[in-house]
Amino acid sequence: MTFAWEKYLQEKLIDEETLSARIKELGRQISDDYRGRDLLLICILKGGVMFLTDLMRQMTIPHEIDFLAVSSYGKGVRRSTGVVRIVKDLDQPIAGRDILIVEDIVDSGHTLSYITRNLATRGPTSLKICTLLDKAERREVDIDVDYVGFNIPDKFVFGYGLDVDQKFRELPFIGVVKPGVVID
């Protein structure tokens, strides 16, 4: 049986077992760091949903969640345009709360820089970032990432919440897209 995603896959970068083990470690670390605090996890949609879900399952402390959707990519675009806009804002105020942004991938840093600046104006007690994937070599904006699942090379990746033109988010692994493949 051939799967639709196979034509895009150059290689599996991070398999399901490795993802699970690292997310378990992150959940424990975050639980230790935020024990006794008023933690709100803010998931950046859409890519961060799978990571958020699995991360929450590994956490041992009470917490709440909210969602923020931003866009800096156009259809069929593999790199951020640099222009960020909020598509869906938070459902609750964050003043006086400890905020942990949960992101799928940090690339140039423009999107997270915009998000952190925006959220900082809302008066949180603390504001930190947790990302599953970090492409540090692509960073154009100085931004501190507090919790990193994996440092990865500058390759176009998909699976486990990350998409190829809105497809294949459901895959249980992180794959590298073949160079030059046409997205249809």
C-alpha atoms as a PDB file:
ATOM      1  CA  MET A   1       0.000   0.000   0.000  1.00  0.00           C
ATOM      2  CA  THR A   2       1.302   3.428  -0.949  1.00  0.00           C
ATOM      3  CA  PHE A   3       0.394   6.455   1.152  1.00  0.00           C
ATOM      4  CA  ALA A   4      -0.146   9.929  -0.314  1.00  0.00           C
ATOM      5  CA  TRP A   5       2.572  11.436   1.894  1.00  0.00           C
ATOM      6  CA  GLU A   6       5.271   9.056   0.635  1.00  0.00           C
ATOM      7  CA  LYS A   7       5.862  11.063  -2.543  1.00  0.00           C
ATOM      8  CA  TYR A   8       6.845  14.073  -0.385  1.00  0.00           C
ATOM      9  CA  LEU A   9       9.111  12.203   2.037  1.00  0.00           C
ATOM     10  CA  GLN A  10      12.867  12.426   1.632  1.00  0.00           C
ATOM     11  CA  GLU A  11      13.586  10.927   5.065  1.00  0.00           C
ATOM     12  CA  LYS A  12      12.112  10.468   8.521  1.00  0.00           C
ATOM     13  CA  LEU A  13      13.922  12.985  10.693  1.00  0.00           C
ATOM     14  CA  ILE A  14      12.359  12.111  14.080  1.00  0.00           C
ATOM     15  CA  ASP A  15      10.418   8.894  14.635  1.00  0.00           C
ATOM     16  CA  GLU A  16       7.380   8.401  16.867  1.00  0.00           C
ATOM     17  CA  GLU A  17       9.285   6.792  19.747  1.00  0.00           C
ATOM     18  CA  THR A  18      11.889   9.566  19.874  1.00  0.00           C
ATOM     19  CA  LEU A  19       9.158  12.228  19.816  1.00  0.00           C
ATOM     20  CA  SER A  20       7.288  10.523  22.642  1.00  0.00           C
ATOM     21  CA  ALA A  21      10.364  10.160  24.851  1.00  0.00           C
ATOM     22  CA  ARG A  22      11.408  13.795  24.451  1.00  0.00           C
ATOM     23  CA  ILE A  23       7.896  15.127  25.047  1.00  0.00           C
ATOM     24  CA  LYS A  24       7.743  13.072  28.240  1.00  0.00           C
ATOM     25  CA  GLU A  25      10.981  14.744  29.405  1.00  0.00           C
ATOM     26  CA  LEU A  26       9.632  18.203  28.536  1.00  0.00           C
ATOM     27  CA  GLY A  27       6.386  17.523  30.416  1.00  0.00           C
ATOM     28  CA  ARG A  28       8.307  16.573  33.542  1.00  0.00           C
ATOM     29  CA  GLN A  29      10.625  19.575  33.306  1.00  0.00           C
ATOM     30  CA  ILE A  30       7.760  22.035  32.793  1.00  0.00           C
ATOM     31  CA  SER A  31       5.815  20.447  35.664  1.00  0.00           C
ATOM     32  CA  ASP A  32       8.812  20.866  37.968  1.00  0.00           C
ATOM     33  CA  ASP A  33       9.400  24.459  36.867  1.00  0.00           C
ATOM     34  CA  TYR A  34       5.766  25.566  37.248  1.00  0.00           C
ATOM     35  CA  ARG A  35       4.672  23.596  40.312  1.00  0.00           C
ATOM     36  CA  GLY A  36       2.422  25.768  42.494  1.00  0.00           C
ATOM     37  CA  ARG A  37       1.995  28.455  39.834  1.00  0.00           C
ATOM     38  CA  ASP A  38      -0.984  29.625  37.759  1.00  0.00           C
ATOM     39  CA  LEU A  39       0.071  28.195  34.385  1.00  0.00           C
ATOM     40  CA  LEU A  40      -1.710  28.897  31.122  1.00  0.00           C
ATOM     41  CA  LEU A  41      -0.465  27.058  28.034  1.00  0.00           C
ATOM     42  CA  ILE A  42      -1.078  29.016  24.846  1.00  0.00           C
ATOM     43  CA  CYS A  43      -0.988  26.776  21.803  1.00  0.00           C
ATOM     44  CA  ILE A  44      -0.133  28.364  18.479  1.00  0.00           C
ATOM     45  CA  LEU A  45      -2.560  26.929  15.930  1.00  0.00           C
ATOM     46  CA  LYS A  46      -2.682  24.842  13.863  1.00  0.00           C
ATOM     47  CA  GLY A  47       0.667  23.119  13.980  1.00  0.00           C
ATOM     48  CA  GLY A  48       1.067  23.076  17.754  1.00  0.00           C
ATOM     49  CA  VAL A  49      -2.072  21.048  18.542  1.00  0.00           C
ATOM     50  CA  MET A  50      -0.556  17.552  18.454  1.00  0.00           C
ATOM     51  CA  PHE A  51       2.444  18.688  20.486  1.00  0.00           C
ATOM     52  CA  LEU A  52       0.222  20.462  23.035  1.00  0.00           C
ATOM     53  CA  THR A  53      -2.011  17.409  23.436  1.00  0.00           C
ATOM     54  CA  ASP A  54       0.863  15.022  24.061  1.00  0.00           C
ATOM     55  CA  LEU A  55       2.731  17.529  26.248  1.00  0.00           C
ATOM     56  CA  MET A  56      -0.322  18.037  28.498  1.00  0.00           C
ATOM     57  CA  ARG A  57      -0.616  14.278  28.978  1.00  0.00           C
ATOM     58  CA  GLN A  58       2.923  14.254  30.375  1.00  0.00           C
ATOM     59  CA  MET A  59       2.428  17.162  32.764  1.00  0.00           C
ATOM     60  CA  THR A  60       1.681  16.456  36.422  1.00  0.00           C
ATOM     61  CA  ILE A  61       0.452  19.908  37.470  1.00  0.00           C
ATOM     62  CA  PRO A  62      -2.842  21.746  37.032  1.00  0.00           C
ATOM     63  CA  HIS A  63      -2.891  24.088  34.056  1.00  0.00           C
ATOM     64  CA  GLU A  64      -5.270  25.686  31.600  1.00  0.00           C
ATOM     65  CA  ILE A  65      -5.046  26.032  27.831  1.00  0.00           C
ATOM     66  CA  ASP A  66      -5.950  28.638  25.260  1.00  0.00           C
ATOM     67  CA  PHE A  67      -5.306  29.008  21.546  1.00  0.00           C
ATOM     68  CA  LEU A  68      -3.857  31.702  19.324  1.00  0.00           C
ATOM     69  CA  ALA A  69      -3.781  31.498  15.542  1.00  0.00           C
ATOM     70  CA  VAL A  70      -1.401  33.629  13.531  1.00  0.00           C
ATOM     71  CA  SER A  71      -0.369  33.543   9.911  1.00  0.00           C
ATOM     72  CA  SER A  72       2.903  34.386   8.224  1.00  0.00           C
ATOM     73  CA  TYR A  73       2.748  31.838   5.397  1.00  0.00           C
ATOM     74  CA  GLY A  74       0.804  31.954   2.155  1.00  0.00           C
ATOM     75  CA  LYS A  75      -0.631  28.929   0.351  1.00  0.00           C
ATOM     76  CA  GLY A  76       2.171  26.816  -1.071  1.00  0.00           C
ATOM     77  CA  VAL A  77       4.851  28.971   0.576  1.00  0.00           C
ATOM     78  CA  ARG A  78       7.651  27.129   2.378  1.00  0.00           C
ATOM     79  CA  ARG A  79       9.145  30.117   4.181  1.00  0.00           C
ATOM     80  CA  SER A  80       7.539  32.782   6.306  1.00  0.00           C
ATOM     81  CA  THR A  81       6.651  36.001   4.503  1.00  0.00           C
ATOM     82  CA  GLY A  82       7.647  37.935   7.633  1.00  0.00           C
ATOM     83  CA  VAL A  83       4.251  39.648   7.819  1.00  0.00           C
ATOM     84  CA  VAL A  84       2.419  38.278  10.857  1.00  0.00           C
ATOM     85  CA  ARG A  85      -1.252  38.719  11.609  1.00  0.00           C
ATOM     86  CA  ILE A  86      -3.509  37.338  14.352  1.00  0.00           C
ATOM     87  CA  VAL A  87      -6.222  35.145  12.867  1.00  0.00           C
ATOM     88  CA  LYS A  88      -7.735  33.947  16.190  1.00  0.00           C
ATOM     89  CA  ASP A  89      -7.064  35.703  19.491  1.00  0.00           C
ATOM     90  CA  LEU A  90      -7.152  34.306  23.023  1.00  0.00           C
ATOM     91  CA  ASP A  91     -10.464  33.613  24.745  1.00  0.00           C
ATOM     92  CA  GLN A  92      -9.340  34.898  28.152  1.00  0.00           C
ATOM     93  CA  PRO A  93      -7.210  37.623  29.705  1.00  0.00           C
ATOM     94  CA  ILE A  94      -3.654  36.685  30.674  1.00  0.00           C
ATOM     95  CA  ALA A  95      -2.815  39.471  33.138  1.00  0.00           C
ATOM     96  CA  GLY A  96      -1.207  38.056  36.266  1.00  0.00           C
ATOM     97  CA  ARG A  97      -0.783  34.566  34.767  1.00  0.00           C
ATOM     98  CA  ASP A  98       2.304  32.497  34.025  1.00  0.00           C
ATOM     99  CA  ILE A  99       2.208  31.973  30.268  1.00  0.00           C
ATOM    100  CA  LEU A 100       3.937  29.225  28.317  1.00  0.00           C
ATOM    101  CA  ILE A 101       3.622  29.522  24.548  1.00  0.00           C
ATOM    102  CA  VAL A 102       3.521  26.070  22.935  1.00  0.00           C
ATOM    103  CA  GLU A 103       4.749  26.164  19.338  1.00  0.00           C
ATOM    104  CA  ASP A 104       5.457  23.482  16.756  1.00  0.00           C
ATOM    105  CA  ILE A 105       8.549  25.064  15.184  1.00  0.00           C
ATOM    106  CA  VAL A 106      10.700  28.169  15.546  1.00  0.00           C
ATOM    107  CA  ASP A 107      12.280  29.230  12.285  1.00  0.00           C
ATOM    108  CA  SER A 108      13.256  32.842  11.570  1.00  0.00           C
ATOM    109  CA  GLY A 109      11.773  33.959  14.888  1.00  0.00           C
ATOM    110  CA  HIS A 110       9.620  36.706  13.365  1.00  0.00           C
ATOM    111  CA  THR A 111       6.315  35.065  14.275  1.00  0.00           C
ATOM    112  CA  LEU A 112       7.281  34.333  17.876  1.00  0.00           C
ATOM    113  CA  SER A 113       8.814  37.766  18.287  1.00  0.00           C
ATOM    114  CA  TYR A 114       5.506  39.298  17.220  1.00  0.00           C
ATOM    115  CA  ILE A 115       3.520  36.983  19.501  1.00  0.00           C
ATOM    116  CA  THR A 116       5.705  37.585  22.565  1.00  0.00           C
ATOM    117  CA  ARG A 117       5.654  41.362  22.074  1.00  0.00           C
ATOM    118  CA  ASN A 118       1.876  41.281  21.695  1.00  0.00           C
ATOM    119  CA  LEU A 119       1.297  39.049  24.734  1.00  0.00           C
ATOM    120  CA  ALA A 120       3.756  40.997  26.903  1.00  0.00           C
ATOM    121  CA  THR A 121       1.533  44.082  26.569  1.00  0.00           C
ATOM    122  CA  ARG A 122      -1.284  42.123  28.245  1.00  0.00           C
ATOM    123  CA  GLY A 123       0.446  41.941  31.648  1.00  0.00           C
ATOM    124  CA  PRO A 124       1.390  38.303  32.257  1.00  0.00           C
ATOM    125  CA  THR A 125       3.460  37.439  35.343  1.00  0.00           C
ATOM    126  CA  SER A 126       5.864  35.482  33.142  1.00  0.00           C
ATOM    127  CA  LEU A 127       6.076  34.644  29.456  1.00  0.00           C
ATOM    128  CA  LYS A 128       8.134  31.722  28.170  1.00  0.00           C
ATOM    129  CA  ILE A 129       8.322  29.623  25.021  1.00  0.00           C
ATOM    130  CA  CYS A 130       8.271  25.863  24.460  1.00  0.00           C
ATOM    131  CA  THR A 131       8.842  24.588  20.935  1.00  0.00           C
ATOM    132  CA  LEU A 132       8.970  21.077  19.605  1.00  0.00           C
ATOM    133  CA  LEU A 133      11.407  21.981  16.816  1.00  0.00           C
ATOM    134  CA  ASP A 134      14.013  24.732  16.594  1.00  0.00           C
ATOM    135  CA  LYS A 135      15.796  25.751  13.385  1.00  0.00           C
ATOM    136  CA  ALA A 136      18.294  27.989  15.191  1.00  0.00           C
ATOM    137  CA  GLU A 137      20.488  28.414  12.101  1.00  0.00           C
ATOM    138  CA  ARG A 138      17.577  30.188  10.361  1.00  0.00           C
ATOM    139  CA  ARG A 139      17.065  32.701  13.163  1.00  0.00           C
ATOM    140  CA  GLU A 140      16.782  36.299  11.962  1.00  0.00           C
ATOM    141  CA  VAL A 141      15.339  37.703  15.190  1.00  0.00           C
ATOM    142  CA  ASP A 142      16.922  37.348  18.623  1.00  0.00           C
ATOM    143  CA  ILE A 143      14.418  35.353  20.663  1.00  0.00           C
ATOM    144  CA  ASP A 144      14.926  33.150  23.708  1.00  0.00           C
ATOM    145  CA  VAL A 145      13.317  29.724  23.559  1.00  0.00           C
ATOM    146  CA  ASP A 146      13.048  28.260  27.050  1.00  0.00           C
ATOM    147  CA  TYR A 147      12.151  24.652  26.238  1.00  0.00           C
ATOM    148  CA  VAL A 148      13.285  22.953  23.021  1.00  0.00           C
ATOM    149  CA  GLY A 149      12.303  19.473  21.962  1.00  0.00           C
ATOM    150  CA  PHE A 150      14.744  19.091  19.079  1.00  0.00           C
ATOM    151  CA  ASN A 151      17.216  21.280  17.228  1.00  0.00           C
ATOM    152  CA  ILE A 152      16.852  20.497  13.541  1.00  0.00           C
ATOM    153  CA  PRO A 153      18.641  21.493  10.320  1.00  0.00           C
ATOM    154  CA  ASP A 154      17.244  24.020   7.862  1.00  0.00           C
ATOM    155  CA  LYS A 155      14.990  21.633   5.954  1.00  0.00           C
ATOM    156  CA  PHE A 156      11.280  21.788   5.146  1.00  0.00           C
ATOM    157  CA  VAL A 157       9.629  19.342   7.554  1.00  0.00           C
ATOM    158  CA  PHE A 158       6.134  17.920   7.933  1.00  0.00           C
ATOM    159  CA  GLY A 159       4.129  15.542  10.092  1.00  0.00           C
ATOM    160  CA  TYR A 160       3.153  15.588  13.768  1.00  0.00           C
ATOM    161  CA  GLY A 161       1.161  18.793  13.337  1.00  0.00           C
ATOM    162  CA  LEU A 162       3.298  20.378  10.618  1.00  0.00           C
ATOM    163  CA  ASP A 163       1.770  20.409   7.170  1.00  0.00           C
ATOM    164  CA  VAL A 164       2.541  20.342   3.489  1.00  0.00           C
ATOM    165  CA  ASP A 165      -0.027  22.829   2.179  1.00  0.00           C
ATOM    166  CA  GLN A 166      -2.461  21.907   5.017  1.00  0.00           C
ATOM    167  CA  LYS A 167      -1.997  18.146   4.523  1.00  0.00           C
ATOM    168  CA  PHE A 168      -0.266  15.372   6.504  1.00  0.00           C
ATOM    169  CA  ARG A 169      -0.431  16.945   9.979  1.00  0.00           C
ATOM    170  CA  GLU A 170      -1.690  13.592  11.307  1.00  0.00           C
ATOM    171  CA  LEU A 171       1.549  11.683  10.729  1.00  0.00           C
ATOM    172  CA  PRO A 172       3.149  10.356  13.941  1.00  0.00           C
ATOM    173  CA  PHE A 173       6.682  11.333  12.880  1.00  0.00           C
ATOM    174  CA  ILE A 174       8.590  14.365  11.573  1.00  0.00           C
ATOM    175  CA  GLY A 175       9.668  13.946   7.968  1.00  0.00           C
ATOM    176  CA  VAL A 176      11.769  15.998   5.576  1.00  0.00           C
ATOM    177  CA  VAL A 177      10.116  17.065   2.326  1.00  0.00           C
ATOM    178  CA  LYS A 178      11.988  16.068  -0.824  1.00  0.00           C
ATOM    179  CA  PRO A 179      13.722  19.075  -2.389  1.00  0.00           C
ATOM    180  CA  GLY A 180      11.988  20.272  -5.544  1.00  0.00           C
ATOM    181  CA  VAL A 181       8.801  18.298  -4.988  1.00  0.00           C
ATOM    182  CA  VAL A 182       5.733  20.018  -6.412  1.00  0.00           C
ATOM    183  CA  ILE A 183       2.998  20.517  -3.832  1.00  0.00           C
ATOM    184  CA  ASP A 184      -0.391  19.606  -5.299  1.00  0.00           C
END
